[in-house]
Amino acid sequence: GCCSHDGARTGTRLDPAQPISLSGSSAQTSPRRVQRIAEYIRRRARIRTRYSRLTFTFIHKICNIATRNKMDVVAGDGVDIDVDELAWKKFSEYDIDIDPTQDDKAKEIELCSFARPHMRAFHCSWWSFFIAFFIWFAISPLLSEIQEDLGLTKQDIWTSSISGVGGTILVRFILGPLCDKYGARVLFALVLCGASIPTALIGFVQSARGLIIIRGFIGLAGGTFVMCQYWTSRMFTKEVVGTANALVGGWGNLGASVTQIIMGSFLFPVFKTLFNNDSEIAWRTVSIVPAVVAFVTGIIVYNISDDAPKGNYSDLKAHGNMPPVSCWESFVEACADFNTWLLFIQYACCFGVELTMNNAAALYFRDVFGQSTESAAAIASIFGWMNLFARGAGGVLSDNLGESMGMQGRLVAQFALLLGEGVSVLIFANTDTLAGAVFVLVLFSLFVQAAEGSSYGIVPYVNPQHMGSVTGIVGAGGNVGAVVFGLCFRELNYNIAFRIMGICVLVSSILSMFINIEGYSSFFSKKEMTVDKETGKVLSDLPRSTETKRLNSVT
């Protein structure tokens, strides 16, 4: 129904057909009554279950207005809504400029700040993902030593690498809906602590089968990407979320490069020295170091950060400030959106390429250019070091073009970066000098990681109500790409495998022309409509009265 301001609270029971009224002084009631109101409206209006979240959001916005104007909300069946209870939030003020219309999300990124909740979550997000990447690929620079000591074939090594990235696919599909329900903080802690266990057990590997199994379990760490992107999308407004997602994702991905240096060029030689130059004992014990760091990180992050701008999900639910979330419904809604799968394929052709290079680069420079294990690891780390700024640059480009051209600008950026990536892969495949290969590797890495950043400048717009599921599905695409390309490198020579990879990336760039998000411009059209940034619904098409639209625009 509509909303009316009738000046004084009557406290009378309202007929189901009568409107909600905003009036009077303060009310005292419980969060359960808020839920009863949402159910009351849904039942009386015979709204389908999938609209219950919109009903809850509508009531929540009414109560925000009531709180600011010191009014009560009175509804049918004599139920009052305690606006102070519903407007509860953990922090009374923030150290950063926020947008109340986007659930108190931050409108800016202050990199030198560690203040709760926004920037604390930002830094916890990239650092946790960094550590996850570190343990995920801690074994990669040591694969040549493991292959020699255990008598493994090239196929055995690549099968273990495929297991490491392939095991993450299902995990990302699962973690997406769980983020919608429980938030990123709790899941980050669980995954980091869980993945640290198989990382510490690498030293017990005795065969190809054991290596494949242990790397499959370590692949659990790769699922943290979903929480990484979800957390910043939950903390920052749509206008800057592309940059925020790109920065935390890029700095997290940097863990793969750092692990090449620290594990391959520092810790491994140190442990060899400690064990009288015995390389086998060295690689069997060195992984204990990243395992301990990951476990401690999980515990610390859980205790010093927050799920959302207004507090932790458990507190928000207890105060009636968060609608109920169905993991299955969230996953189904995300799967039903065609744009999700187009981005799934594109992400397979950028992040999937990066994961493949994390496993292949050191082996490639050792096999093709005759470099030592330490030197090959150092050269391979260049690819990952570009994450320091390249992925962030892709996010900034996406946000800037989005500001000037709308969604069309973000899609153009996506197309251009994937096109540049595909061309650079093909050039890299045909470079036969070490200096030339290193130079092209830098350009190749720049386009790969910038394309990852622009991808997640688009993802938060696809289905904001089920953002966790969309993030998980698109993120899983990266691992699917890594599995496909990994199979190519396992069965084919390097030159052919790189060519196949390059052609796939070029084809994926064209998919930007087919992404069409409701209410936003497309690759060939500049037309945009007014969209509710929290629900993703086109306001003019929502089944609301004129007054409801007015309230939405006010909030």
Protein backbone atom coordinates (compact mmCIF):
# COMPACT_ATOMS: atom_id res chain seq x y z
CA GLY A 1 0.00 0.00 0.00
CA CYS A 2 0.88 3.69 0.01
CA CYS A 3 2.41 5.63 2.90
CA SER A 4 0.56 8.45 4.62
CA HIS A 5 1.64 11.02 7.18
CA ASP A 6 -1.42 11.61 9.35
CA GLY A 7 0.22 13.64 12.13
CA ALA A 8 -0.68 11.56 15.18
CA ARG A 9 -0.35 7.93 16.04
CA THR A 10 -3.74 6.24 16.35
CA GLY A 11 -2.49 2.77 17.33
CA THR A 12 -5.63 1.28 15.76
CA ARG A 13 -5.74 -1.96 13.89
CA LEU A 14 -5.68 -1.47 10.16
CA ASP A 15 -7.63 -3.28 7.55
CA PRO A 16 -5.43 -5.28 5.16
CA ALA A 17 -6.41 -2.88 2.42
CA GLN A 18 -5.38 0.17 4.45
CA PRO A 19 -1.94 1.78 4.02
CA ILE A 20 1.06 1.77 6.32
CA SER A 21 1.24 5.05 8.22
CA LEU A 22 4.21 6.98 9.54
CA SER A 23 3.48 9.09 12.58
CA GLY A 24 3.82 9.83 16.28
CA SER A 25 6.71 9.44 18.71
CA SER A 26 8.67 6.28 19.47
CA ALA A 27 7.55 2.67 19.52
CA GLN A 28 8.81 -0.33 21.46
CA THR A 29 8.69 -3.74 19.87
CA SER A 30 10.90 -6.66 18.84
CA PRO A 31 12.61 -7.67 15.60
CA ARG A 32 10.13 -10.53 15.32
CA ARG A 33 7.35 -8.04 14.77
CA VAL A 34 9.26 -6.56 11.86
CA GLN A 35 9.36 -9.99 10.29
CA ARG A 36 5.63 -10.38 10.97
CA ILE A 37 4.98 -7.16 9.06
CA ALA A 38 6.96 -8.37 6.05
CA GLU A 39 5.03 -11.64 6.10
CA TYR A 40 1.74 -9.79 6.60
CA ILE A 41 2.24 -7.66 3.49
CA ARG A 42 3.50 -10.55 1.41
CA ARG A 43 0.57 -12.77 2.39
CA ARG A 44 -2.13 -10.15 1.95
CA ALA A 45 -0.82 -8.94 -1.38
CA ARG A 46 -0.28 -12.54 -2.53
CA ILE A 47 3.21 -11.69 -3.69
CA ARG A 48 5.27 -14.61 -4.84
CA THR A 49 8.08 -15.79 -2.59
CA ARG A 50 10.77 -14.32 -4.77
CA TYR A 51 9.41 -10.82 -4.07
CA SER A 52 9.64 -11.15 -0.28
CA ARG A 53 13.10 -9.57 -0.32
CA LEU A 54 11.68 -6.51 -2.14
CA THR A 55 8.93 -6.27 0.50
CA PHE A 56 11.51 -6.33 3.29
CA THR A 57 13.62 -3.70 1.52
CA PHE A 58 10.55 -1.46 1.12
CA ILE A 59 9.72 -1.64 4.84
CA HIS A 60 13.36 -1.03 5.76
CA LYS A 61 13.45 2.17 3.69
CA ILE A 62 10.24 3.40 5.28
CA CYS A 63 11.74 2.86 8.72
CA ASN A 64 14.91 4.73 7.78
CA ILE A 65 12.75 7.74 6.90
CA ALA A 66 10.78 7.31 10.10
CA THR A 67 13.97 7.21 12.16
CA ARG A 68 15.28 10.43 10.66
CA ASN A 69 11.91 12.15 11.25
CA LYS A 70 11.30 10.61 14.72
CA MET A 71 8.14 8.81 13.57
CA ASP A 72 6.59 5.41 14.21
CA VAL A 73 5.54 2.83 11.69
CA VAL A 74 2.13 1.28 12.39
CA ALA A 75 0.73 -1.55 10.31
CA GLY A 76 -2.17 -3.97 10.15
CA ASP A 77 -3.09 -6.42 12.93
CA GLY A 78 -2.03 -3.78 15.50
CA VAL A 79 1.67 -4.44 14.87
CA ASP A 80 4.14 -1.60 15.41
CA ILE A 81 7.63 -1.50 13.93
CA ASP A 82 10.36 -0.25 16.24
CA VAL A 83 12.25 1.93 13.80
CA ASP A 84 15.20 2.28 16.19
CA GLU A 85 15.50 -1.51 16.33
CA LEU A 86 15.25 -1.93 12.57
CA ALA A 87 17.74 0.89 11.93
CA TRP A 88 20.30 -0.71 14.29
CA LYS A 89 23.90 -0.65 13.17
CA LYS A 90 27.15 -1.42 14.92
CA PHE A 91 28.83 1.89 14.10
CA SER A 92 27.21 5.23 14.90
CA GLU A 93 29.65 7.06 12.61
CA TYR A 94 32.27 6.25 10.02
CA ASP A 95 35.77 7.55 9.23
CA ILE A 96 34.97 7.61 5.51
CA ASP A 97 32.34 9.23 3.27
CA ILE A 98 29.41 6.83 2.85
CA ASP A 99 26.21 6.62 0.81
CA PRO A 100 23.13 5.92 3.00
CA THR A 101 21.11 4.95 -0.10
CA GLN A 102 23.53 2.07 -0.73
CA ASP A 103 23.42 0.57 2.76
CA ASP A 104 26.18 2.83 4.14
CA LYS A 105 28.73 1.68 1.59
CA ALA A 106 31.89 3.78 1.19
CA LYS A 107 32.03 6.27 -1.68
CA GLU A 108 35.83 6.45 -1.67
CA ILE A 109 38.89 4.29 -1.07
CA GLU A 110 41.43 5.56 1.47
CA LEU A 111 44.36 3.18 1.06
CA CYS A 112 46.28 4.49 4.07
CA SER A 113 43.33 3.96 6.42
CA PHE A 114 42.72 0.79 8.44
CA ALA A 115 39.51 2.05 10.06
CA ARG A 116 36.54 -0.20 10.61
CA PRO A 117 34.46 -1.31 8.91
CA HIS A 118 35.14 -0.35 5.27
CA MET A 119 38.90 -0.03 5.00
CA ARG A 120 39.52 -2.72 7.61
CA ALA A 121 37.53 -5.12 5.41
CA PHE A 122 39.41 -3.87 2.32
CA HIS A 123 42.83 -4.64 3.78
CA CYS A 124 41.74 -7.92 5.39
CA SER A 125 40.26 -8.98 2.05
CA TRP A 126 43.38 -8.52 -0.07
CA TRP A 127 45.74 -9.82 2.60
CA SER A 128 43.68 -12.97 3.20
CA PHE A 129 43.47 -13.60 -0.54
CA PHE A 130 47.22 -12.95 -0.83
CA ILE A 131 47.95 -15.61 1.79
CA ALA A 132 45.49 -18.00 0.13
CA PHE A 133 47.31 -17.58 -3.19
CA PHE A 134 50.63 -18.02 -1.44
CA ILE A 135 49.73 -21.45 -0.08
CA TRP A 136 47.79 -22.40 -3.23
CA PHE A 137 50.91 -22.09 -5.40
CA ALA A 138 53.61 -22.61 -2.77
CA ILE A 139 54.52 -25.91 -4.36
CA SER A 140 54.68 -24.64 -7.98
CA PRO A 141 58.33 -23.43 -8.01
CA LEU A 142 59.36 -26.75 -6.45
CA LEU A 143 57.66 -29.01 -9.01
CA SER A 144 60.84 -29.65 -10.99
CA GLU A 145 62.56 -30.90 -7.82
CA ILE A 146 59.56 -33.05 -6.87
CA GLN A 147 59.38 -34.46 -10.40
CA GLU A 148 63.05 -35.51 -10.25
CA ASP A 149 62.94 -36.98 -6.71
CA LEU A 150 59.72 -38.98 -7.24
CA GLY A 151 60.43 -39.96 -10.86
CA LEU A 152 57.28 -38.31 -12.22
CA THR A 153 56.43 -37.58 -15.85
CA LYS A 154 55.38 -34.26 -17.41
CA GLN A 155 51.81 -35.60 -17.52
CA ASP A 156 51.92 -36.39 -13.79
CA ILE A 157 53.01 -32.84 -12.96
CA TRP A 158 50.33 -31.25 -15.13
CA THR A 159 47.66 -33.57 -13.75
CA SER A 160 48.55 -32.39 -10.25
CA SER A 161 48.37 -28.76 -11.38
CA ILE A 162 44.97 -29.38 -12.98
CA SER A 163 43.84 -31.00 -9.74
CA GLY A 164 44.95 -27.92 -7.81
CA VAL A 165 42.86 -25.51 -9.87
CA GLY A 166 40.08 -27.94 -10.79
CA GLY A 167 39.22 -28.73 -7.18
CA THR A 168 38.43 -25.06 -6.66
CA ILE A 169 35.61 -25.00 -9.22
CA LEU A 170 33.02 -26.71 -7.03
CA VAL A 171 34.25 -24.81 -3.97
CA ARG A 172 33.60 -21.46 -5.66
CA PHE A 173 30.12 -22.51 -6.76
CA ILE A 174 29.35 -23.41 -3.13
CA LEU A 175 30.98 -20.41 -1.45
CA GLY A 176 29.06 -17.88 -3.58
CA PRO A 177 25.60 -18.57 -2.10
CA LEU A 178 27.15 -19.06 1.34
CA CYS A 179 28.54 -15.51 1.15
CA ASP A 180 25.01 -14.21 0.59
CA LYS A 181 23.92 -16.03 3.73
CA TYR A 182 26.87 -15.79 6.15
CA GLY A 183 29.14 -13.06 4.79
CA ALA A 184 32.80 -13.18 3.73
CA ARG A 185 34.57 -12.88 7.10
CA VAL A 186 33.52 -16.24 8.57
CA LEU A 187 34.12 -18.13 5.33
CA PHE A 188 37.55 -16.55 4.87
CA ALA A 189 38.61 -17.80 8.30
CA LEU A 190 37.26 -21.32 7.72
CA VAL A 191 38.87 -21.75 4.29
CA LEU A 192 42.29 -20.36 5.27
CA CYS A 193 42.50 -22.55 8.36
CA GLY A 194 41.22 -25.59 6.44
CA ALA A 195 43.57 -25.20 3.46
CA SER A 196 46.60 -24.75 5.72
CA ILE A 197 46.35 -28.39 6.84
CA PRO A 198 47.01 -30.10 3.46
CA THR A 199 49.65 -27.45 2.74
CA ALA A 200 51.57 -28.56 5.84
CA LEU A 201 51.24 -32.21 4.73
CA ILE A 202 52.99 -31.81 1.36
CA GLY A 203 56.09 -33.47 2.80
CA PHE A 204 54.29 -36.82 3.09
CA VAL A 205 53.78 -37.16 -0.69
CA GLN A 206 55.36 -40.35 -2.06
CA SER A 207 53.79 -40.78 -5.51
CA ALA A 208 52.02 -39.07 -8.40
CA ARG A 209 48.65 -40.05 -6.91
CA GLY A 210 49.55 -38.53 -3.56
CA LEU A 211 50.67 -35.30 -5.21
CA ILE A 212 47.44 -35.06 -7.20
CA ILE A 213 45.28 -35.65 -4.11
CA ILE A 214 47.13 -33.23 -1.82
CA ARG A 215 47.08 -30.45 -4.44
CA GLY A 216 43.36 -31.02 -4.90
CA PHE A 217 42.78 -30.33 -1.20
CA ILE A 218 45.11 -27.32 -1.23
CA GLY A 219 42.96 -25.98 -4.08
CA LEU A 220 40.36 -25.18 -1.41
CA ALA A 221 42.37 -21.99 -0.85
CA GLY A 222 41.47 -20.78 -4.34
CA GLY A 223 37.84 -20.47 -3.25
CA THR A 224 38.77 -17.42 -1.18
CA PHE A 225 38.53 -15.31 -4.33
CA VAL A 226 34.74 -15.36 -3.95
CA MET A 227 34.91 -13.87 -0.46
CA CYS A 228 37.57 -11.39 -1.57
CA GLN A 229 35.35 -9.88 -4.29
CA TYR A 230 32.11 -10.22 -2.33
CA TRP A 231 33.52 -8.43 0.72
CA THR A 232 34.58 -5.28 -1.13
CA SER A 233 31.38 -5.30 -3.20
CA ARG A 234 29.55 -5.31 0.14
CA MET A 235 31.60 -2.39 1.49
CA PHE A 236 31.92 0.02 -1.48
CA THR A 237 29.39 1.79 -3.70
CA LYS A 238 28.78 0.88 -7.33
CA GLU A 239 30.70 3.96 -8.46
CA VAL A 240 34.03 2.74 -7.01
CA VAL A 241 33.46 -0.99 -6.62
CA GLY A 242 35.32 -1.79 -9.84
CA THR A 243 38.45 -0.17 -8.48
CA ALA A 244 38.01 -1.72 -5.04
CA ASN A 245 37.48 -5.23 -6.43
CA ALA A 246 40.40 -4.87 -8.82
CA LEU A 247 42.80 -3.68 -6.13
CA VAL A 248 42.02 -6.42 -3.60
CA GLY A 249 41.96 -9.06 -6.34
CA GLY A 250 45.22 -7.86 -7.87
CA TRP A 251 47.09 -7.52 -4.59
CA GLY A 252 45.78 -10.92 -3.57
CA ASN A 253 46.88 -12.50 -6.84
CA LEU A 254 50.30 -11.05 -6.12
CA GLY A 255 50.67 -13.93 -3.67
CA ALA A 256 51.36 -16.26 -6.60
CA SER A 257 54.32 -14.12 -7.63
CA VAL A 258 55.65 -13.66 -4.13
CA THR A 259 55.49 -17.40 -3.51
CA GLN A 260 57.67 -17.95 -6.61
CA ILE A 261 60.34 -15.70 -5.08
CA ILE A 262 60.01 -16.64 -1.41
CA MET A 263 59.49 -20.38 -1.86
CA GLY A 264 61.65 -20.95 -4.97
CA SER A 265 64.44 -18.42 -4.58
CA PHE A 266 64.64 -17.88 -0.81
CA LEU A 267 63.11 -20.47 1.53
CA PHE A 268 63.98 -23.50 -0.60
CA PRO A 269 67.72 -22.61 -0.77
CA VAL A 270 67.70 -21.76 2.95
CA PHE A 271 66.15 -25.12 3.85
CA LYS A 272 68.63 -26.91 1.55
CA THR A 273 71.45 -25.25 3.46
CA LEU A 274 69.89 -26.24 6.78
CA PHE A 275 69.67 -29.87 5.66
CA ASN A 276 73.20 -30.19 4.22
CA ASN A 277 72.15 -29.49 0.62
CA ASP A 278 69.52 -32.26 0.64
CA SER A 279 66.90 -30.86 -1.78
CA GLU A 280 64.33 -33.61 -1.06
CA ILE A 281 64.17 -32.92 2.68
CA ALA A 282 64.04 -29.20 1.85
CA TRP A 283 60.92 -29.37 -0.34
CA ARG A 284 59.26 -31.79 2.08
CA THR A 285 59.57 -29.38 5.01
CA VAL A 286 59.51 -25.87 3.56
CA SER A 287 55.70 -25.74 3.07
CA ILE A 288 55.16 -25.78 6.83
CA VAL A 289 56.03 -22.07 6.86
CA PRO A 290 53.17 -20.82 4.62
CA ALA A 291 50.77 -23.26 6.31
CA VAL A 292 51.35 -21.69 9.73
CA VAL A 293 51.02 -18.17 8.31
CA ALA A 294 47.69 -19.05 6.66
CA PHE A 295 46.22 -20.58 9.81
CA VAL A 296 47.16 -17.58 11.96
CA THR A 297 45.81 -15.18 9.32
CA GLY A 298 42.41 -16.89 9.33
CA ILE A 299 42.06 -16.52 13.09
CA ILE A 300 43.15 -12.87 13.15
CA VAL A 301 40.89 -11.76 10.28
CA TYR A 302 37.87 -13.37 11.92
CA ASN A 303 38.40 -11.36 15.09
CA ILE A 304 39.30 -7.89 13.79
CA SER A 305 36.87 -7.26 10.91
CA ASP A 306 33.16 -6.93 10.06
CA ASP A 307 30.85 -8.54 7.50
CA ALA A 308 29.10 -5.37 6.30
CA PRO A 309 29.11 -1.59 6.85
CA LYS A 310 26.44 -1.86 9.53
CA GLY A 311 27.96 -4.84 11.36
CA ASN A 312 28.17 -8.63 11.24
CA TYR A 313 25.45 -10.66 9.56
CA SER A 314 24.58 -12.46 12.80
CA ASP A 315 23.88 -9.14 14.55
CA LEU A 316 21.96 -7.71 11.61
CA LYS A 317 19.71 -10.78 11.50
CA ALA A 318 19.19 -10.65 15.27
CA HIS A 319 17.98 -7.05 15.01
CA GLY A 320 15.73 -7.76 12.03
CA ASN A 321 17.97 -5.66 9.80
CA MET A 322 18.64 -8.34 7.20
CA PRO A 323 16.10 -10.37 5.21
CA PRO A 324 16.29 -14.18 5.24
CA VAL A 325 18.54 -15.63 2.53
CA SER A 326 18.08 -18.98 0.78
CA CYS A 327 21.36 -20.32 -0.63
CA TRP A 328 19.52 -22.40 -3.21
CA GLU A 329 17.27 -19.55 -4.34
CA SER A 330 20.31 -17.26 -4.61
CA PHE A 331 22.20 -19.79 -6.72
CA VAL A 332 19.25 -20.49 -9.04
CA GLU A 333 18.58 -16.79 -9.63
CA ALA A 334 22.24 -16.20 -10.49
CA CYS A 335 22.32 -19.19 -12.85
CA ALA A 336 19.19 -17.96 -14.64
CA ASP A 337 20.93 -14.74 -15.71
CA PHE A 338 22.56 -15.18 -19.13
CA ASN A 339 25.05 -12.39 -18.38
CA THR A 340 26.52 -14.51 -15.58
CA TRP A 341 27.61 -17.18 -18.05
CA LEU A 342 29.04 -14.73 -20.58
CA LEU A 343 31.24 -13.31 -17.82
CA PHE A 344 31.99 -16.89 -16.74
CA ILE A 345 33.54 -17.57 -20.16
CA GLN A 346 35.41 -14.27 -20.26
CA TYR A 347 36.84 -14.81 -16.81
CA ALA A 348 37.95 -18.28 -17.88
CA CYS A 349 40.00 -16.54 -20.55
CA CYS A 350 41.75 -14.09 -18.24
CA PHE A 351 42.00 -15.52 -14.73
CA GLY A 352 42.15 -19.04 -16.20
CA VAL A 353 45.14 -17.90 -18.22
CA GLU A 354 46.82 -16.45 -15.13
CA LEU A 355 46.34 -19.66 -13.14
CA THR A 356 47.79 -21.65 -16.02
CA MET A 357 50.81 -19.35 -16.22
CA ASN A 358 51.34 -19.67 -12.46
CA ASN A 359 51.83 -23.39 -13.02
CA ALA A 360 53.52 -23.24 -16.43
CA ALA A 361 55.83 -20.21 -16.43
CA ALA A 362 58.66 -21.63 -14.31
CA LEU A 363 58.56 -24.97 -16.17
CA TYR A 364 58.43 -23.15 -19.53
CA PHE A 365 61.53 -21.03 -18.90
CA ARG A 366 63.40 -24.04 -17.54
CA ASP A 367 62.46 -26.39 -20.41
CA VAL A 368 62.63 -23.94 -23.34
CA PHE A 369 65.39 -21.54 -22.27
CA GLY A 370 67.43 -23.87 -20.00
CA GLN A 371 67.13 -21.76 -16.84
CA SER A 372 67.84 -23.17 -13.36
CA THR A 373 65.01 -23.75 -10.87
CA GLU A 374 65.85 -20.55 -8.99
CA SER A 375 66.22 -18.42 -12.13
CA ALA A 376 63.08 -19.81 -13.78
CA ALA A 377 61.11 -19.09 -10.60
CA ALA A 378 62.40 -15.51 -10.51
CA ILE A 379 61.46 -14.89 -14.16
CA ALA A 380 58.05 -16.53 -13.73
CA SER A 381 57.34 -14.25 -10.77
CA ILE A 382 57.32 -11.25 -13.12
CA PHE A 383 53.92 -12.38 -14.39
CA GLY A 384 52.44 -12.24 -10.92
CA TRP A 385 54.22 -9.03 -9.87
CA MET A 386 52.20 -7.13 -12.46
CA ASN A 387 49.22 -7.66 -10.16
CA LEU A 388 50.66 -4.88 -8.00
CA PHE A 389 49.00 -2.37 -10.34
CA ALA A 390 47.72 -4.06 -13.54
CA ARG A 391 44.48 -5.49 -12.17
CA GLY A 392 43.81 -2.26 -10.31
CA ALA A 393 44.39 -0.34 -13.55
CA GLY A 394 41.70 -2.47 -15.21
CA GLY A 395 39.25 -1.64 -12.43
CA VAL A 396 40.05 2.08 -12.58
CA LEU A 397 39.61 2.06 -16.37
CA SER A 398 36.26 0.31 -15.97
CA ASP A 399 35.05 2.79 -13.33
CA ASN A 400 36.20 5.84 -15.30
CA LEU A 401 34.60 4.71 -18.55
CA GLY A 402 31.54 3.67 -16.56
CA GLU A 403 31.25 7.18 -15.15
CA SER A 404 31.48 8.83 -18.59
CA MET A 405 29.72 6.23 -20.77
CA GLY A 406 27.71 4.10 -18.37
CA MET A 407 27.75 0.32 -18.71
CA GLN A 408 28.73 0.73 -22.36
CA GLY A 409 32.07 2.12 -21.22
CA ARG A 410 32.70 -0.88 -18.95
CA LEU A 411 31.92 -3.29 -21.80
CA VAL A 412 34.21 -1.44 -24.21
CA ALA A 413 37.03 -1.67 -21.66
CA GLN A 414 36.38 -5.40 -21.26
CA PHE A 415 36.47 -5.97 -25.01
CA ALA A 416 39.68 -3.98 -25.55
CA LEU A 417 41.61 -5.63 -22.72
CA LEU A 418 40.68 -9.18 -23.74
CA LEU A 419 41.58 -8.36 -27.34
CA GLY A 420 44.99 -7.09 -26.24
CA GLU A 421 45.47 -10.19 -24.09
CA GLY A 422 44.72 -12.57 -26.96
CA VAL A 423 47.16 -10.83 -29.29
CA SER A 424 49.93 -10.80 -26.66
CA VAL A 425 49.52 -14.56 -26.00
CA LEU A 426 50.02 -15.31 -29.70
CA ILE A 427 53.12 -13.08 -29.82
CA PHE A 428 54.55 -14.75 -26.71
CA ALA A 429 54.10 -18.18 -28.29
CA ASN A 430 56.30 -17.15 -31.21
CA THR A 431 59.08 -15.38 -29.30
CA ASP A 432 62.27 -17.46 -29.34
CA THR A 433 64.74 -15.31 -27.37
CA LEU A 434 64.89 -15.07 -23.59
CA ALA A 435 64.97 -11.25 -23.52
CA GLY A 436 62.09 -11.02 -25.99
CA ALA A 437 60.05 -13.59 -24.07
CA VAL A 438 60.50 -11.70 -20.80
CA PHE A 439 59.47 -8.40 -22.46
CA VAL A 440 56.34 -9.90 -24.04
CA LEU A 441 55.56 -11.66 -20.75
CA VAL A 442 55.24 -8.24 -19.11
CA LEU A 443 52.76 -7.00 -21.76
CA PHE A 444 50.93 -10.32 -21.69
CA SER A 445 50.54 -10.11 -17.90
CA LEU A 446 49.40 -6.46 -18.07
CA PHE A 447 46.44 -7.30 -20.33
CA VAL A 448 45.54 -10.51 -18.47
CA GLN A 449 45.24 -8.87 -15.08
CA ALA A 450 43.65 -5.65 -16.33
CA ALA A 451 40.95 -7.81 -17.97
CA GLU A 452 40.35 -9.52 -14.63
CA GLY A 453 39.88 -6.10 -13.03
CA SER A 454 37.42 -4.92 -15.67
CA SER A 455 35.45 -8.19 -15.35
CA TYR A 456 34.69 -7.52 -11.72
CA GLY A 457 33.81 -3.94 -12.53
CA ILE A 458 30.78 -5.46 -14.29
CA VAL A 459 29.91 -8.37 -11.98
CA PRO A 460 28.34 -6.29 -9.12
CA TYR A 461 25.75 -4.92 -11.57
CA VAL A 462 24.51 -8.28 -12.86
CA ASN A 463 22.27 -9.30 -9.96
CA PRO A 464 22.95 -7.24 -6.79
CA GLN A 465 20.48 -9.22 -4.67
CA HIS A 466 22.40 -12.44 -5.35
CA MET A 467 25.85 -10.92 -5.70
CA GLY A 468 27.60 -13.74 -3.83
CA SER A 469 26.29 -16.41 -6.19
CA VAL A 470 27.16 -14.39 -9.30
CA THR A 471 30.65 -13.76 -7.90
CA GLY A 472 31.10 -17.48 -7.20
CA ILE A 473 29.93 -18.64 -10.62
CA VAL A 474 32.03 -16.13 -12.55
CA GLY A 475 35.02 -16.86 -10.31
CA ALA A 476 34.61 -20.59 -10.97
CA GLY A 477 34.93 -19.76 -14.67
CA GLY A 478 38.55 -18.82 -14.04
CA ASN A 479 39.25 -22.29 -12.68
CA VAL A 480 37.40 -23.97 -15.54
CA GLY A 481 39.62 -22.04 -17.94
CA ALA A 482 42.70 -23.13 -16.00
CA VAL A 483 41.64 -26.79 -16.25
CA VAL A 484 41.00 -26.56 -20.01
CA PHE A 485 44.26 -24.76 -20.74
CA GLY A 486 46.12 -27.03 -18.32
CA LEU A 487 44.95 -30.07 -20.31
CA CYS A 488 46.28 -28.42 -23.45
CA PHE A 489 49.71 -27.94 -21.88
CA ARG A 490 49.69 -31.49 -20.55
CA GLU A 491 48.93 -33.12 -23.90
CA LEU A 492 50.49 -30.70 -26.42
CA ASN A 493 53.78 -28.89 -26.88
CA TYR A 494 54.13 -25.34 -25.55
CA ASN A 495 53.75 -23.57 -28.91
CA ILE A 496 50.45 -25.22 -29.85
CA ALA A 497 49.04 -24.85 -26.33
CA PHE A 498 49.78 -21.11 -26.30
CA ARG A 499 48.17 -20.68 -29.72
CA ILE A 500 44.98 -22.40 -28.60
CA MET A 501 44.92 -20.21 -25.52
CA GLY A 502 45.35 -17.02 -27.57
CA ILE A 503 42.57 -17.88 -30.02
CA CYS A 504 40.15 -18.68 -27.15
CA VAL A 505 40.87 -15.31 -25.54
CA LEU A 506 40.27 -13.45 -28.82
CA VAL A 507 36.91 -15.17 -29.27
CA SER A 508 35.89 -14.40 -25.68
CA SER A 509 36.44 -10.66 -26.22
CA ILE A 510 33.55 -10.65 -28.72
CA LEU A 511 31.14 -11.81 -25.98
CA SER A 512 31.23 -8.28 -24.52
CA MET A 513 28.92 -7.29 -27.35
CA PHE A 514 26.23 -9.67 -26.07
CA ILE A 515 26.20 -8.67 -22.38
CA ASN A 516 22.93 -6.85 -21.69
CA ILE A 517 22.14 -5.96 -18.07
CA GLU A 518 18.58 -4.77 -17.44
CA GLY A 519 18.31 -1.01 -17.08
CA TYR A 520 21.87 -0.31 -18.26
CA SER A 521 23.39 0.53 -21.63
CA SER A 522 24.91 -2.20 -23.79
CA PHE A 523 27.90 -2.40 -26.14
CA PHE A 524 25.93 -0.85 -29.02
CA SER A 525 23.33 1.19 -27.11
CA LYS A 526 23.74 4.18 -24.78
CA LYS A 527 20.21 4.03 -23.35
CA GLU A 528 20.13 3.71 -19.54
CA MET A 529 17.25 3.79 -17.05
CA THR A 530 17.02 4.64 -13.36
CA VAL A 531 17.94 1.51 -11.40
CA ASP A 532 17.78 0.74 -7.67
CA LYS A 533 21.46 0.11 -6.94
CA GLU A 534 20.75 -2.29 -4.07
CA THR A 535 18.19 -4.52 -5.81
CA GLY A 536 19.19 -4.04 -9.45
CA LYS A 537 15.54 -3.47 -10.38
CA VAL A 538 14.47 -0.85 -12.92
CA LEU A 539 12.44 1.56 -10.80
CA SER A 540 9.87 2.38 -13.46
CA ASP A 541 9.03 -1.32 -13.87
CA LEU A 542 8.68 -2.22 -10.18
CA PRO A 543 5.11 -3.03 -8.98
CA ARG A 544 5.05 -0.04 -6.61
CA SER A 545 2.79 2.96 -6.17
CA THR A 546 3.91 6.47 -7.08
CA GLU A 547 4.55 7.27 -3.41
CA THR A 548 6.73 4.19 -3.01
CA LYS A 549 8.91 5.37 -5.88
CA ARG A 550 9.15 8.78 -4.23
CA LEU A 551 10.28 7.22 -0.95
CA ASN A 552 12.85 5.14 -2.81
CA SER A 553 14.28 8.22 -4.51
CA VAL A 554 14.42 10.06 -1.17
CA THR A 555 16.31 7.25 0.56
